[in-house]
Amino acid sequence: MREDQRFEIERALELLPHIVGGSWTMVWFRMKGIRNPTKEEFRSKVIEFFLKLAPLLESFENDKSLDDINSYIKNRLKNEIQKIESGENNEIEKRYQRYVDYG
């Protein structure tokens, strides 16, 4: 698969974890009154909210002609989740620090 064929998916999967997962997580902890979650709790909640987008990420699955992009999406999704779990997603780590510093 060419780079131009996966460009938009790459951008989406770089942004969605912190735009959706991180934002919803911050709101959730704020509304629950949890001021000092652990990094692991925060990351886990980010992944939980991020995975609520699964129907969107699976929207090409019923079309065999899109098998290449579907495979790429699945692999990239696993990679993004691993990055969140391991603390390698810098945007999530910034959001965590911002949350515990400023609530």
Protein backbone atom coordinates (compact mmCIF):
# COMPACT_ATOMS: atom_id res chain seq x y z
CA MET A 1 0.00 0.00 0.00
CA ARG A 2 1.30 3.42 -0.93
CA GLU A 3 1.87 6.11 1.68
CA ASP A 4 -0.70 8.41 0.08
CA GLN A 5 -3.32 5.67 0.46
CA ARG A 6 -2.88 5.51 4.23
CA PHE A 7 -2.06 9.17 4.95
CA GLU A 8 -5.49 10.16 6.30
CA ILE A 9 -5.73 7.06 8.48
CA GLU A 10 -2.25 7.77 9.86
CA ARG A 11 -3.26 11.31 10.79
CA ALA A 12 -6.53 10.19 12.35
CA LEU A 13 -4.86 7.51 14.45
CA GLU A 14 -2.24 9.99 15.62
CA LEU A 15 -4.88 12.52 16.71
CA LEU A 16 -7.81 10.44 17.93
CA PRO A 17 -6.14 9.00 21.05
CA HIS A 18 -5.57 12.39 22.62
CA ILE A 19 -8.41 14.34 21.02
CA VAL A 20 -11.09 11.79 21.83
CA GLY A 21 -9.52 9.45 24.37
CA GLY A 22 -7.64 12.12 26.30
CA SER A 23 -10.40 14.73 26.26
CA TRP A 24 -13.16 12.34 27.32
CA THR A 25 -10.88 10.93 30.01
CA MET A 26 -10.17 14.35 31.47
CA VAL A 27 -13.88 15.18 31.54
CA TRP A 28 -14.69 11.80 33.13
CA PHE A 29 -12.13 12.19 35.94
CA ARG A 30 -13.21 15.81 36.51
CA MET A 31 -16.90 14.89 36.74
CA LYS A 32 -16.11 11.99 39.07
CA GLY A 33 -14.05 14.30 41.28
CA ILE A 34 -10.95 12.16 40.94
CA ARG A 35 -8.10 14.65 41.19
CA ASN A 36 -5.07 12.37 41.26
CA PRO A 37 -5.54 9.26 39.15
CA THR A 38 -2.47 7.14 38.60
CA LYS A 39 -0.87 7.19 35.19
CA GLU A 40 -2.10 3.64 34.68
CA GLU A 41 -5.69 4.58 35.55
CA PHE A 42 -5.53 7.56 33.22
CA ARG A 43 -4.03 5.56 30.35
CA SER A 44 -6.56 2.78 30.81
CA LYS A 45 -9.44 5.24 30.65
CA VAL A 46 -7.94 6.86 27.52
CA ILE A 47 -7.85 3.45 25.84
CA GLU A 48 -11.41 2.72 26.94
CA PHE A 49 -12.73 5.90 25.35
CA PHE A 50 -10.50 5.57 22.28
CA LEU A 51 -11.87 2.07 21.66
CA LYS A 52 -15.42 3.42 21.60
CA LEU A 53 -14.47 4.50 18.08
CA ALA A 54 -14.19 0.83 17.04
CA PRO A 55 -17.29 0.95 14.78
CA LEU A 56 -15.71 3.80 12.85
CA LEU A 57 -12.38 1.99 12.59
CA GLU A 58 -14.19 -1.12 11.35
CA SER A 59 -16.29 0.70 8.77
CA PHE A 60 -14.34 -0.64 5.77
CA GLU A 61 -14.38 -4.30 6.86
CA ASN A 62 -17.26 -5.46 4.67
CA ASP A 63 -15.40 -4.64 1.47
CA LYS A 64 -12.75 -7.13 0.31
CA SER A 65 -11.19 -4.52 -1.96
CA LEU A 66 -10.21 -2.61 1.19
CA ASP A 67 -8.41 -5.50 2.93
CA ASP A 68 -5.05 -3.70 2.78
CA ILE A 69 -6.28 -0.59 4.56
CA ASN A 70 -8.24 -2.71 7.07
CA SER A 71 -5.10 -4.63 7.94
CA TYR A 72 -3.18 -1.39 8.29
CA ILE A 73 -5.87 0.09 10.57
CA LYS A 74 -5.86 -2.98 12.84
CA ASN A 75 -2.09 -2.99 13.15
CA ARG A 76 -1.89 0.74 13.70
CA LEU A 77 -4.65 0.57 16.34
CA LYS A 78 -2.71 -2.09 18.27
CA ASN A 79 0.42 0.04 18.01
CA GLU A 80 -1.35 3.17 19.29
CA ILE A 81 -2.81 1.26 22.25
CA GLN A 82 0.64 -0.13 23.12
CA LYS A 83 2.08 3.38 22.98
CA ILE A 84 -0.59 4.63 25.37
CA GLU A 85 -0.10 1.71 27.77
CA SER A 86 3.67 2.09 27.84
CA GLY A 87 3.63 5.88 28.24
CA GLU A 88 5.13 6.47 24.79
CA ASN A 89 2.25 8.63 23.53
CA ASN A 90 3.60 12.05 24.45
CA GLU A 91 0.27 13.82 23.97
CA ILE A 92 -1.46 11.53 26.47
CA GLU A 93 1.39 11.98 28.93
CA LYS A 94 1.11 15.79 28.58
CA ARG A 95 -2.62 15.62 29.17
CA TYR A 96 -2.14 13.44 32.23
CA GLN A 97 0.39 15.87 33.69
CA ARG A 98 -1.83 18.84 32.90
CA TYR A 99 -4.76 17.14 34.58
CA VAL A 100 -2.94 16.29 37.82
CA ASP A 101 -1.31 19.75 37.90
CA TYR A 102 -4.45 21.80 37.17
CA GLY A 103 -7.42 19.40 37.47
